[in-house]
């Protein structure tokens, strides 16, 4: 956090409020990683509305780590390991990406665990 704040002083308030380091930004949101391993997004408000904080769901959290590991390879260790019972994701052909975007079905992992029937 301190390094990011010194590189971009304008980001210091968001870093402090998030309580973690900035992983990346997209159109309308910035994603932060907290020391406890959770991710949170600062979502840009609509015209005239304030920005709001959004605690990531499990799939959003995994997708955020998948995206951020390109810049921060050490985040790989926070991703779940593929269990034996997992199967390749058919939506993205096990690549984790669909047209360059993180696959929504597997959150970018390339595999899924089918629900028990």
N, C-alpha and C. Protein backbone atom coordinates (compact mmCIF):
# COMPACT_ATOMS: atom_id res chain seq x y z
N UNK A 1 0.82 -1.19 0.00
CA UNK A 1 0.00 0.00 0.00
C UNK A 1 0.86 1.25 0.00
N UNK A 2 1.86 1.26 0.85
CA UNK A 2 2.72 2.44 0.96
C UNK A 2 3.42 2.72 -0.35
N UNK A 3 3.92 1.69 -1.01
CA UNK A 3 4.60 1.88 -2.29
C UNK A 3 3.64 2.43 -3.33
N UNK A 4 2.43 1.89 -3.37
CA UNK A 4 1.45 2.38 -4.34
C UNK A 4 1.05 3.82 -4.04
N UNK A 5 0.90 4.14 -2.77
CA UNK A 5 0.53 5.51 -2.38
C UNK A 5 1.64 6.50 -2.74
N UNK A 6 2.91 6.06 -2.59
CA UNK A 6 4.01 6.98 -2.92
C UNK A 6 4.14 7.15 -4.43
N UNK A 7 3.82 6.09 -5.20
CA UNK A 7 3.86 6.19 -6.66
C UNK A 7 2.72 7.05 -7.20
N UNK A 8 1.56 6.99 -6.53
CA UNK A 8 0.39 7.73 -6.97
C UNK A 8 -0.31 8.33 -5.75
N UNK A 9 0.13 9.50 -5.30
CA UNK A 9 -0.44 10.10 -4.10
C UNK A 9 -1.96 10.29 -4.16
N UNK A 10 -2.52 10.47 -5.35
CA UNK A 10 -3.97 10.63 -5.47
C UNK A 10 -4.71 9.35 -5.12
N UNK A 11 -4.02 8.22 -5.18
CA UNK A 11 -4.65 6.93 -4.85
C UNK A 11 -4.64 6.64 -3.36
N UNK A 12 -3.89 7.40 -2.58
CA UNK A 12 -3.74 7.12 -1.15
C UNK A 12 -5.06 7.02 -0.40
N UNK A 13 -6.04 7.91 -0.63
CA UNK A 13 -7.29 7.78 0.11
C UNK A 13 -8.03 6.46 -0.18
N UNK A 14 -8.07 6.05 -1.42
CA UNK A 14 -8.74 4.79 -1.77
C UNK A 14 -8.00 3.60 -1.18
N UNK A 15 -6.67 3.64 -1.23
CA UNK A 15 -5.87 2.56 -0.65
C UNK A 15 -6.14 2.45 0.85
N UNK A 16 -6.18 3.59 1.53
CA UNK A 16 -6.42 3.59 2.97
C UNK A 16 -7.82 3.08 3.28
N UNK A 17 -8.79 3.54 2.53
CA UNK A 17 -10.18 3.12 2.77
C UNK A 17 -10.37 1.64 2.47
N UNK A 18 -9.72 1.15 1.42
CA UNK A 18 -9.81 -0.27 1.08
C UNK A 18 -9.08 -1.12 2.11
N UNK A 19 -8.04 -0.55 2.69
CA UNK A 19 -7.24 -1.30 3.64
C UNK A 19 -6.37 -2.33 2.96
N UNK A 20 -6.02 -2.07 1.71
CA UNK A 20 -5.21 -3.03 0.97
C UNK A 20 -4.61 -2.41 -0.27
N UNK A 21 -3.89 -3.24 -1.01
CA UNK A 21 -3.21 -2.78 -2.22
C UNK A 21 -4.13 -2.85 -3.44
N UNK A 22 -3.90 -1.96 -4.39
CA UNK A 22 -4.67 -1.94 -5.62
C UNK A 22 -4.15 -3.03 -6.54
N UNK A 23 -5.07 -3.89 -7.00
CA UNK A 23 -4.68 -4.94 -7.94
C UNK A 23 -4.77 -4.46 -9.38
N UNK A 24 -5.89 -3.83 -9.72
CA UNK A 24 -6.10 -3.34 -11.08
C UNK A 24 -7.35 -2.48 -11.12
N UNK A 25 -7.50 -1.79 -12.22
CA UNK A 25 -8.70 -1.00 -12.46
C UNK A 25 -9.32 -1.40 -13.78
N UNK A 26 -10.62 -1.28 -13.85
CA UNK A 26 -11.36 -1.52 -15.09
C UNK A 26 -12.25 -0.31 -15.32
N UNK A 27 -13.00 -0.33 -16.38
CA UNK A 27 -13.93 0.76 -16.62
C UNK A 27 -14.98 0.72 -15.51
N UNK A 28 -14.98 1.74 -14.67
CA UNK A 28 -15.98 1.86 -13.63
C UNK A 28 -15.65 1.22 -12.30
N UNK A 29 -14.50 0.59 -12.15
CA UNK A 29 -14.18 -0.03 -10.85
C UNK A 29 -12.67 -0.21 -10.68
N UNK A 30 -12.26 -0.24 -9.43
CA UNK A 30 -10.90 -0.58 -9.06
C UNK A 30 -11.00 -1.70 -8.04
N UNK A 31 -10.08 -2.66 -8.11
CA UNK A 31 -10.11 -3.81 -7.22
C UNK A 31 -8.88 -3.81 -6.33
N UNK A 32 -9.10 -4.09 -5.05
CA UNK A 32 -8.06 -4.05 -4.03
C UNK A 32 -7.99 -5.39 -3.31
N UNK A 33 -6.79 -5.76 -2.89
CA UNK A 33 -6.55 -6.97 -2.10
C UNK A 33 -6.22 -6.55 -0.68
N UNK A 34 -6.97 -7.07 0.27
CA UNK A 34 -6.75 -6.77 1.68
C UNK A 34 -5.78 -7.78 2.29
N UNK A 35 -5.16 -7.42 3.41
CA UNK A 35 -4.20 -8.33 4.05
C UNK A 35 -4.78 -9.69 4.42
N UNK A 36 -6.10 -9.77 4.64
CA UNK A 36 -6.70 -11.06 4.98
C UNK A 36 -6.97 -11.93 3.76
N UNK A 37 -6.59 -11.44 2.57
CA UNK A 37 -6.76 -12.21 1.34
C UNK A 37 -8.05 -11.95 0.61
N UNK A 38 -8.95 -11.16 1.17
CA UNK A 38 -10.20 -10.84 0.49
C UNK A 38 -9.98 -9.73 -0.52
N UNK A 39 -10.90 -9.61 -1.47
CA UNK A 39 -10.85 -8.53 -2.44
C UNK A 39 -12.11 -7.69 -2.30
N UNK A 40 -11.95 -6.43 -2.62
CA UNK A 40 -13.05 -5.47 -2.55
C UNK A 40 -12.92 -4.55 -3.76
N UNK A 41 -14.05 -4.11 -4.27
CA UNK A 41 -14.04 -3.23 -5.43
C UNK A 41 -14.63 -1.87 -5.07
N UNK A 42 -14.01 -0.82 -5.58
CA UNK A 42 -14.56 0.52 -5.49
C UNK A 42 -15.24 0.77 -6.82
N UNK A 43 -16.57 0.79 -6.79
CA UNK A 43 -17.37 0.88 -8.01
C UNK A 43 -17.80 2.32 -8.21
N UNK A 44 -17.54 2.83 -9.40
CA UNK A 44 -17.89 4.21 -9.73
C UNK A 44 -19.41 4.37 -9.73
N UNK A 45 -19.87 5.42 -9.06
CA UNK A 45 -21.31 5.68 -9.01
C UNK A 45 -21.81 6.27 -10.32
N UNK A 46 -23.09 6.13 -10.55
CA UNK A 46 -23.72 6.73 -11.73
C UNK A 46 -23.64 8.25 -11.59
N UNK A 47 -23.95 8.95 -12.64
CA UNK A 47 -23.88 10.41 -12.64
C UNK A 47 -24.60 10.97 -11.42
N UNK A 48 -23.89 11.77 -10.62
CA UNK A 48 -24.46 12.39 -9.45
C UNK A 48 -24.52 11.49 -8.22
N UNK A 49 -24.11 10.24 -8.34
CA UNK A 49 -24.12 9.32 -7.20
C UNK A 49 -22.68 9.06 -6.75
N UNK A 50 -22.51 8.80 -5.46
CA UNK A 50 -21.15 8.54 -4.96
C UNK A 50 -20.66 7.16 -5.36
N UNK A 51 -19.33 7.02 -5.38
CA UNK A 51 -18.74 5.70 -5.57
C UNK A 51 -19.12 4.84 -4.37
N UNK A 52 -19.13 3.52 -4.54
CA UNK A 52 -19.49 2.63 -3.44
C UNK A 52 -18.53 1.45 -3.37
N UNK A 53 -18.39 0.90 -2.18
CA UNK A 53 -17.54 -0.27 -1.98
C UNK A 53 -18.38 -1.52 -2.12
N UNK A 54 -17.79 -2.52 -2.76
CA UNK A 54 -18.48 -3.80 -2.99
C UNK A 54 -17.55 -4.93 -2.56
N UNK A 55 -17.98 -5.71 -1.58
CA UNK A 55 -17.21 -6.90 -1.18
C UNK A 55 -17.42 -7.95 -2.25
N UNK A 56 -16.34 -8.44 -2.82
CA UNK A 56 -16.43 -9.40 -3.91
C UNK A 56 -17.04 -10.73 -3.47
N UNK A 57 -17.83 -11.31 -4.37
CA UNK A 57 -18.33 -12.66 -4.16
C UNK A 57 -17.15 -13.62 -4.35
N UNK A 58 -17.35 -14.88 -4.07
CA UNK A 58 -16.26 -15.85 -4.24
C UNK A 58 -15.79 -15.90 -5.70
N UNK A 59 -16.73 -15.91 -6.65
CA UNK A 59 -16.32 -15.98 -8.05
C UNK A 59 -15.63 -14.68 -8.50
N UNK A 60 -16.08 -13.53 -8.00
CA UNK A 60 -15.42 -12.26 -8.32
C UNK A 60 -14.02 -12.22 -7.72
N UNK A 61 -13.89 -12.75 -6.52
CA UNK A 61 -12.60 -12.81 -5.84
C UNK A 61 -11.60 -13.65 -6.65
N UNK A 62 -12.03 -14.82 -7.08
CA UNK A 62 -11.15 -15.69 -7.86
C UNK A 62 -10.79 -15.02 -9.18
N UNK A 63 -11.78 -14.44 -9.85
CA UNK A 63 -11.51 -13.76 -11.12
C UNK A 63 -10.53 -12.61 -10.92
N UNK A 64 -10.67 -11.87 -9.83
CA UNK A 64 -9.75 -10.75 -9.56
C UNK A 64 -8.32 -11.26 -9.39
N UNK A 65 -8.16 -12.37 -8.68
CA UNK A 65 -6.82 -12.93 -8.50
C UNK A 65 -6.25 -13.45 -9.82
N UNK A 66 -7.11 -14.05 -10.63
CA UNK A 66 -6.67 -14.54 -11.95
C UNK A 66 -6.16 -13.37 -12.79
N UNK A 67 -6.90 -12.29 -12.81
CA UNK A 67 -6.50 -11.11 -13.58
C UNK A 67 -5.21 -10.52 -13.02
N UNK A 68 -5.15 -10.36 -11.71
CA UNK A 68 -4.02 -9.68 -11.06
C UNK A 68 -2.74 -10.49 -11.06
N UNK A 69 -2.82 -11.81 -11.22
CA UNK A 69 -1.59 -12.62 -11.15
C UNK A 69 -0.65 -12.33 -12.32
N UNK A 70 -1.14 -11.72 -13.37
CA UNK A 70 -0.26 -11.33 -14.48
C UNK A 70 0.72 -10.26 -14.00
N UNK A 71 0.24 -9.34 -13.19
CA UNK A 71 1.08 -8.26 -12.66
C UNK A 71 1.78 -8.68 -11.38
N UNK A 72 1.11 -9.52 -10.60
CA UNK A 72 1.63 -9.98 -9.31
C UNK A 72 1.62 -11.51 -9.28
N UNK A 73 2.63 -12.17 -9.89
CA UNK A 73 2.63 -13.63 -9.99
C UNK A 73 2.50 -14.36 -8.65
N UNK A 74 2.93 -13.74 -7.57
CA UNK A 74 2.84 -14.39 -6.27
C UNK A 74 1.40 -14.64 -5.82
N UNK A 75 0.43 -13.99 -6.47
CA UNK A 75 -0.97 -14.21 -6.13
C UNK A 75 -1.46 -15.59 -6.54
N UNK A 76 -0.71 -16.26 -7.40
CA UNK A 76 -1.06 -17.62 -7.82
C UNK A 76 -1.31 -18.52 -6.62
N UNK A 77 -0.54 -18.33 -5.56
CA UNK A 77 -0.68 -19.18 -4.39
C UNK A 77 -2.00 -18.99 -3.65
N UNK A 78 -2.73 -17.90 -3.92
CA UNK A 78 -4.02 -17.65 -3.29
C UNK A 78 -5.17 -18.30 -4.05
N UNK A 79 -4.90 -18.78 -5.25
CA UNK A 79 -5.95 -19.41 -6.05
C UNK A 79 -6.18 -20.84 -5.62
N UNK A 80 -7.42 -21.31 -5.74
CA UNK A 80 -7.69 -22.71 -5.36
C UNK A 80 -6.96 -23.67 -6.29
N UNK A 81 -6.56 -24.78 -5.75
CA UNK A 81 -5.93 -25.86 -6.53
C UNK A 81 -7.02 -26.73 -7.13
N UNK A 82 -6.76 -27.22 -8.31
CA UNK A 82 -7.75 -28.04 -9.00
C UNK A 82 -7.89 -29.40 -8.29
N UNK A 83 -9.09 -29.70 -7.80
CA UNK A 83 -9.30 -31.00 -7.18
C UNK A 83 -9.45 -32.10 -8.24
N UNK A 84 -9.24 -33.32 -7.83
CA UNK A 84 -9.33 -34.45 -8.77
C UNK A 84 -10.70 -34.54 -9.41
N UNK A 85 -11.75 -34.20 -8.68
CA UNK A 85 -13.12 -34.35 -9.21
C UNK A 85 -13.54 -33.21 -10.15
N UNK A 86 -12.67 -32.23 -10.34
CA UNK A 86 -12.99 -31.11 -11.22
C UNK A 86 -12.94 -31.56 -12.68
N UNK A 87 -13.72 -30.86 -13.49
CA UNK A 87 -13.69 -31.14 -14.93
C UNK A 87 -13.35 -29.85 -15.68
N UNK A 88 -12.84 -30.01 -16.89
CA UNK A 88 -12.51 -28.85 -17.71
C UNK A 88 -13.77 -28.02 -17.94
N UNK A 89 -13.61 -26.71 -17.95
CA UNK A 89 -14.73 -25.81 -18.24
C UNK A 89 -15.02 -25.87 -19.73
N UNK A 90 -16.24 -26.20 -20.08
CA UNK A 90 -16.61 -26.29 -21.49
C UNK A 90 -16.91 -24.92 -22.10
N UNK A 91 -17.21 -23.94 -21.27
CA UNK A 91 -17.52 -22.60 -21.78
C UNK A 91 -16.29 -21.94 -22.40
N UNK A 92 -15.12 -22.17 -21.80
CA UNK A 92 -13.90 -21.52 -22.29
C UNK A 92 -12.89 -22.52 -22.83
N UNK A 93 -13.31 -23.77 -22.99
CA UNK A 93 -12.42 -24.84 -23.46
C UNK A 93 -11.19 -24.97 -22.54
N UNK A 94 -11.42 -24.80 -21.24
CA UNK A 94 -10.40 -24.97 -20.20
C UNK A 94 -9.28 -23.93 -20.26
N UNK A 95 -9.50 -22.82 -20.96
CA UNK A 95 -8.47 -21.78 -21.05
C UNK A 95 -8.62 -20.72 -19.97
N UNK A 96 -9.81 -20.58 -19.41
CA UNK A 96 -10.09 -19.54 -18.44
C UNK A 96 -10.51 -18.22 -19.06
N UNK A 97 -10.43 -18.15 -20.40
CA UNK A 97 -10.75 -16.91 -21.10
C UNK A 97 -11.74 -17.15 -22.22
N UNK A 98 -12.59 -16.15 -22.45
CA UNK A 98 -13.48 -16.13 -23.61
C UNK A 98 -13.27 -14.79 -24.28
N UNK A 99 -12.74 -14.81 -25.47
CA UNK A 99 -12.41 -13.60 -26.23
C UNK A 99 -11.61 -12.61 -25.38
N UNK A 100 -10.62 -13.13 -24.67
CA UNK A 100 -9.74 -12.30 -23.88
C UNK A 100 -10.28 -11.86 -22.53
N UNK A 101 -11.50 -12.24 -22.22
CA UNK A 101 -12.12 -11.87 -20.94
C UNK A 101 -12.18 -13.10 -20.04
N UNK A 102 -12.12 -12.89 -18.74
CA UNK A 102 -12.20 -14.00 -17.79
C UNK A 102 -13.55 -14.70 -17.95
N UNK A 103 -13.49 -16.00 -18.05
CA UNK A 103 -14.70 -16.82 -18.21
C UNK A 103 -15.57 -16.71 -16.96
N UNK A 104 -16.83 -16.39 -17.15
CA UNK A 104 -17.76 -16.27 -16.03
C UNK A 104 -18.16 -17.60 -15.44
N UNK A 105 -18.04 -18.66 -16.20
CA UNK A 105 -18.43 -19.98 -15.70
C UNK A 105 -17.41 -20.54 -14.71
N UNK A 106 -16.13 -20.32 -14.97
CA UNK A 106 -15.08 -20.90 -14.11
C UNK A 106 -14.25 -19.84 -13.40
N UNK A 107 -14.60 -18.58 -13.56
CA UNK A 107 -13.88 -17.45 -12.95
C UNK A 107 -12.43 -17.36 -13.40
N UNK A 108 -12.13 -17.95 -14.56
CA UNK A 108 -10.78 -17.87 -15.11
C UNK A 108 -9.88 -19.02 -14.73
N UNK A 109 -10.40 -19.99 -13.99
CA UNK A 109 -9.56 -21.12 -13.57
C UNK A 109 -9.38 -22.17 -14.66
N UNK A 110 -10.37 -22.27 -15.56
CA UNK A 110 -10.31 -23.28 -16.62
C UNK A 110 -10.93 -24.61 -16.22
N UNK A 111 -11.43 -24.68 -15.00
CA UNK A 111 -12.06 -25.92 -14.52
C UNK A 111 -13.22 -25.57 -13.58
N UNK A 112 -14.13 -26.52 -13.44
CA UNK A 112 -15.28 -26.34 -12.56
C UNK A 112 -15.50 -27.62 -11.78
N UNK A 113 -16.22 -27.49 -10.71
CA UNK A 113 -16.65 -28.66 -9.95
C UNK A 113 -18.16 -28.73 -10.11
N UNK A 114 -18.63 -29.81 -10.72
CA UNK A 114 -20.06 -29.97 -10.95
C UNK A 114 -20.77 -30.13 -9.61
N UNK A 115 -21.93 -29.50 -9.46
CA UNK A 115 -22.67 -29.65 -8.21
C UNK A 115 -23.11 -31.11 -8.02
N UNK A 116 -23.16 -31.51 -6.77
CA UNK A 116 -23.61 -32.88 -6.46
C UNK A 116 -25.08 -33.04 -6.83
N UNK A 117 -25.39 -34.19 -7.36
CA UNK A 117 -26.80 -34.44 -7.75
C UNK A 117 -27.44 -35.44 -6.82
